[in-house]
């Protein structure tokens, strides 16, 4: 699998990183290029607080994020970390293209 360098964009005070293949679509929706923002902490608060797979799954579901069937704890931690860093709502996260979501999640 080839690593894809995501492109940082901002809109209305929100920051996300998008796949280059979807950049034109994001620009059409009002997103503009910006400097890359590094997270303040390596592990977001939700990932720190939740220590078991069921707790992490519950945190994701409470935020409205669809959790893949059979996801292991490492998968759930990676998903929660990527979701929290995205700044998106659960519905916005779920509406991302599958490839875009996959590129945001690192194991």
C-alpha atoms as a PDB file:
ATOM      1  CA  UNK A   1       0.000   0.000   0.000  1.00  0.00           C
ATOM      2  CA  UNK A   2       1.369   3.381  -0.992  1.00  0.00           C
ATOM      3  CA  UNK A   3       1.457   6.122   1.644  1.00  0.00           C
ATOM      4  CA  UNK A   4      -0.597   9.114   0.584  1.00  0.00           C
ATOM      5  CA  UNK A   5       0.357  12.539   1.910  1.00  0.00           C
ATOM      6  CA  UNK A   6      -2.870  14.147   3.113  1.00  0.00           C
ATOM      7  CA  UNK A   7      -3.382  17.837   2.421  1.00  0.00           C
ATOM      8  CA  UNK A   8      -4.325  20.201   5.278  1.00  0.00           C
ATOM      9  CA  UNK A   9      -7.379  22.403   4.693  1.00  0.00           C
ATOM     10  CA  UNK A  10      -9.543  24.655   6.835  1.00  0.00           C
ATOM     11  CA  UNK A  11     -13.053  26.048   6.732  1.00  0.00           C
ATOM     12  CA  UNK A  12     -14.969  28.065   9.338  1.00  0.00           C
ATOM     13  CA  UNK A  13     -12.319  27.382  11.981  1.00  0.00           C
ATOM     14  CA  UNK A  14     -12.278  23.629  11.388  1.00  0.00           C
ATOM     15  CA  UNK A  15      -9.146  21.779  10.293  1.00  0.00           C
ATOM     16  CA  UNK A  16      -8.971  18.496   8.407  1.00  0.00           C
ATOM     17  CA  UNK A  17      -6.499  16.676   6.201  1.00  0.00           C
ATOM     18  CA  UNK A  18      -7.860  15.370   2.909  1.00  0.00           C
ATOM     19  CA  UNK A  19      -6.780  12.902   0.281  1.00  0.00           C
ATOM     20  CA  UNK A  20      -5.308  14.698  -2.759  1.00  0.00           C
ATOM     21  CA  UNK A  21      -7.899  12.929  -4.923  1.00  0.00           C
ATOM     22  CA  UNK A  22     -10.685  14.745  -3.049  1.00  0.00           C
ATOM     23  CA  UNK A  23      -9.010  18.170  -2.770  1.00  0.00           C
ATOM     24  CA  UNK A  24     -10.948  19.730  -5.676  1.00  0.00           C
ATOM     25  CA  UNK A  25     -14.242  18.589  -4.151  1.00  0.00           C
ATOM     26  CA  UNK A  26     -13.296  20.079  -0.781  1.00  0.00           C
ATOM     27  CA  UNK A  27     -12.250  23.358  -2.421  1.00  0.00           C
ATOM     28  CA  UNK A  28     -15.625  23.488  -4.194  1.00  0.00           C
ATOM     29  CA  UNK A  29     -17.250  23.230  -0.750  1.00  0.00           C
ATOM     30  CA  UNK A  30     -15.250  26.200   0.564  1.00  0.00           C
ATOM     31  CA  UNK A  31     -12.260  24.447   2.152  1.00  0.00           C
ATOM     32  CA  UNK A  32      -8.939  26.265   1.646  1.00  0.00           C
ATOM     33  CA  UNK A  33      -5.344  25.093   1.927  1.00  0.00           C
ATOM     34  CA  UNK A  34      -3.619  25.860   5.226  1.00  0.00           C
ATOM     35  CA  UNK A  35      -0.532  24.993   7.245  1.00  0.00           C
ATOM     36  CA  UNK A  36      -0.445  21.530   8.778  1.00  0.00           C
ATOM     37  CA  UNK A  37      -1.541  21.492  12.413  1.00  0.00           C
ATOM     38  CA  UNK A  38      -0.022  18.990  14.784  1.00  0.00           C
ATOM     39  CA  UNK A  39      -2.182  17.611  17.570  1.00  0.00           C
ATOM     40  CA  UNK A  40      -1.397  19.000  20.997  1.00  0.00           C
ATOM     41  CA  UNK A  41      -0.994  15.482  22.385  1.00  0.00           C
ATOM     42  CA  UNK A  42      -0.131  12.145  20.796  1.00  0.00           C
ATOM     43  CA  UNK A  43      -3.196  10.448  22.222  1.00  0.00           C
ATOM     44  CA  UNK A  44      -6.528  12.285  22.404  1.00  0.00           C
ATOM     45  CA  UNK A  45      -8.437  12.364  25.699  1.00  0.00           C
ATOM     46  CA  UNK A  46     -11.014   9.772  24.687  1.00  0.00           C
ATOM     47  CA  UNK A  47      -8.353   7.240  23.750  1.00  0.00           C
ATOM     48  CA  UNK A  48      -6.567   7.846  27.073  1.00  0.00           C
ATOM     49  CA  UNK A  49      -9.701   7.435  29.172  1.00  0.00           C
ATOM     50  CA  UNK A  50     -11.049   4.318  27.480  1.00  0.00           C
ATOM     51  CA  UNK A  51      -8.941   1.312  28.367  1.00  0.00           C
ATOM     52  CA  UNK A  52     -10.946  -1.687  27.168  1.00  0.00           C
ATOM     53  CA  UNK A  53     -12.313  -2.516  23.731  1.00  0.00           C
ATOM     54  CA  UNK A  54     -15.954  -2.264  24.935  1.00  0.00           C
ATOM     55  CA  UNK A  55     -15.241   1.175  26.489  1.00  0.00           C
ATOM     56  CA  UNK A  56     -13.620   2.436  23.303  1.00  0.00           C
ATOM     57  CA  UNK A  57     -16.471   1.049  21.201  1.00  0.00           C
ATOM     58  CA  UNK A  58     -18.992   2.732  23.517  1.00  0.00           C
ATOM     59  CA  UNK A  59     -17.125   6.051  23.205  1.00  0.00           C
ATOM     60  CA  UNK A  60     -17.204   5.833  19.406  1.00  0.00           C
ATOM     61  CA  UNK A  61     -20.870   4.840  19.298  1.00  0.00           C
ATOM     62  CA  UNK A  62     -21.791   7.644  21.720  1.00  0.00           C
ATOM     63  CA  UNK A  63     -20.149  10.077  19.279  1.00  0.00           C
ATOM     64  CA  UNK A  64     -22.197   8.606  16.435  1.00  0.00           C
ATOM     65  CA  UNK A  65     -19.304   6.842  14.704  1.00  0.00           C
ATOM     66  CA  UNK A  66     -20.118   3.577  12.962  1.00  0.00           C
ATOM     67  CA  UNK A  67     -17.855   0.854  14.362  1.00  0.00           C
ATOM     68  CA  UNK A  68     -16.818  -1.955  11.990  1.00  0.00           C
ATOM     69  CA  UNK A  69     -17.988  -5.424  13.003  1.00  0.00           C
ATOM     70  CA  UNK A  70     -15.268  -7.498  14.639  1.00  0.00           C
ATOM     71  CA  UNK A  71     -12.905  -4.561  15.218  1.00  0.00           C
ATOM     72  CA  UNK A  72     -10.074  -5.400  17.623  1.00  0.00           C
ATOM     73  CA  UNK A  73      -8.907  -3.053  20.401  1.00  0.00           C
ATOM     74  CA  UNK A  74      -5.977  -1.718  18.315  1.00  0.00           C
ATOM     75  CA  UNK A  75      -8.391  -0.964  15.461  1.00  0.00           C
ATOM     76  CA  UNK A  76     -10.768   0.818  17.837  1.00  0.00           C
ATOM     77  CA  UNK A  77      -7.975   2.912  19.394  1.00  0.00           C
ATOM     78  CA  UNK A  78      -6.733   3.923  15.923  1.00  0.00           C
ATOM     79  CA  UNK A  79     -10.287   4.768  14.837  1.00  0.00           C
ATOM     80  CA  UNK A  80     -10.993   6.812  17.976  1.00  0.00           C
ATOM     81  CA  UNK A  81      -7.688   8.668  17.699  1.00  0.00           C
ATOM     82  CA  UNK A  82      -8.271   9.531  14.026  1.00  0.00           C
ATOM     83  CA  UNK A  83     -11.880  10.540  14.678  1.00  0.00           C
ATOM     84  CA  UNK A  84     -10.971  12.818  17.597  1.00  0.00           C
ATOM     85  CA  UNK A  85      -8.147  14.446  15.629  1.00  0.00           C
ATOM     86  CA  UNK A  86     -10.470  15.055  12.683  1.00  0.00           C
ATOM     87  CA  UNK A  87     -12.692  17.501  14.550  1.00  0.00           C
ATOM     88  CA  UNK A  88     -15.676  16.076  12.673  1.00  0.00           C
ATOM     89  CA  UNK A  89     -19.017  14.991  14.055  1.00  0.00           C
ATOM     90  CA  UNK A  90     -19.877  11.296  13.954  1.00  0.00           C
ATOM     91  CA  UNK A  91     -22.199  11.876  11.010  1.00  0.00           C
ATOM     92  CA  UNK A  92     -19.530  13.832   9.108  1.00  0.00           C
ATOM     93  CA  UNK A  93     -17.002  11.083   9.819  1.00  0.00           C
ATOM     94  CA  UNK A  94     -19.385   8.377   8.623  1.00  0.00           C
ATOM     95  CA  UNK A  95     -20.072  10.376   5.426  1.00  0.00           C
ATOM     96  CA  UNK A  96     -16.388  10.554   4.463  1.00  0.00           C
ATOM     97  CA  UNK A  97     -15.390   8.379   1.554  1.00  0.00           C
ATOM     98  CA  UNK A  98     -14.170   5.002   2.816  1.00  0.00           C
ATOM     99  CA  UNK A  99     -10.714   5.694   1.353  1.00  0.00           C
ATOM    100  CA  UNK A 100     -10.531   9.070   3.120  1.00  0.00           C
ATOM    101  CA  UNK A 101     -11.434   7.475   6.484  1.00  0.00           C
ATOM    102  CA  UNK A 102      -8.893   4.693   5.921  1.00  0.00           C
ATOM    103  CA  UNK A 103      -6.150   7.225   5.146  1.00  0.00           C
ATOM    104  CA  UNK A 104      -6.808   9.035   8.421  1.00  0.00           C
ATOM    105  CA  UNK A 105      -6.587   5.902  10.577  1.00  0.00           C
ATOM    106  CA  UNK A 106      -3.072   4.714  11.368  1.00  0.00           C
ATOM    107  CA  UNK A 107      -2.404   1.465  13.175  1.00  0.00           C
END
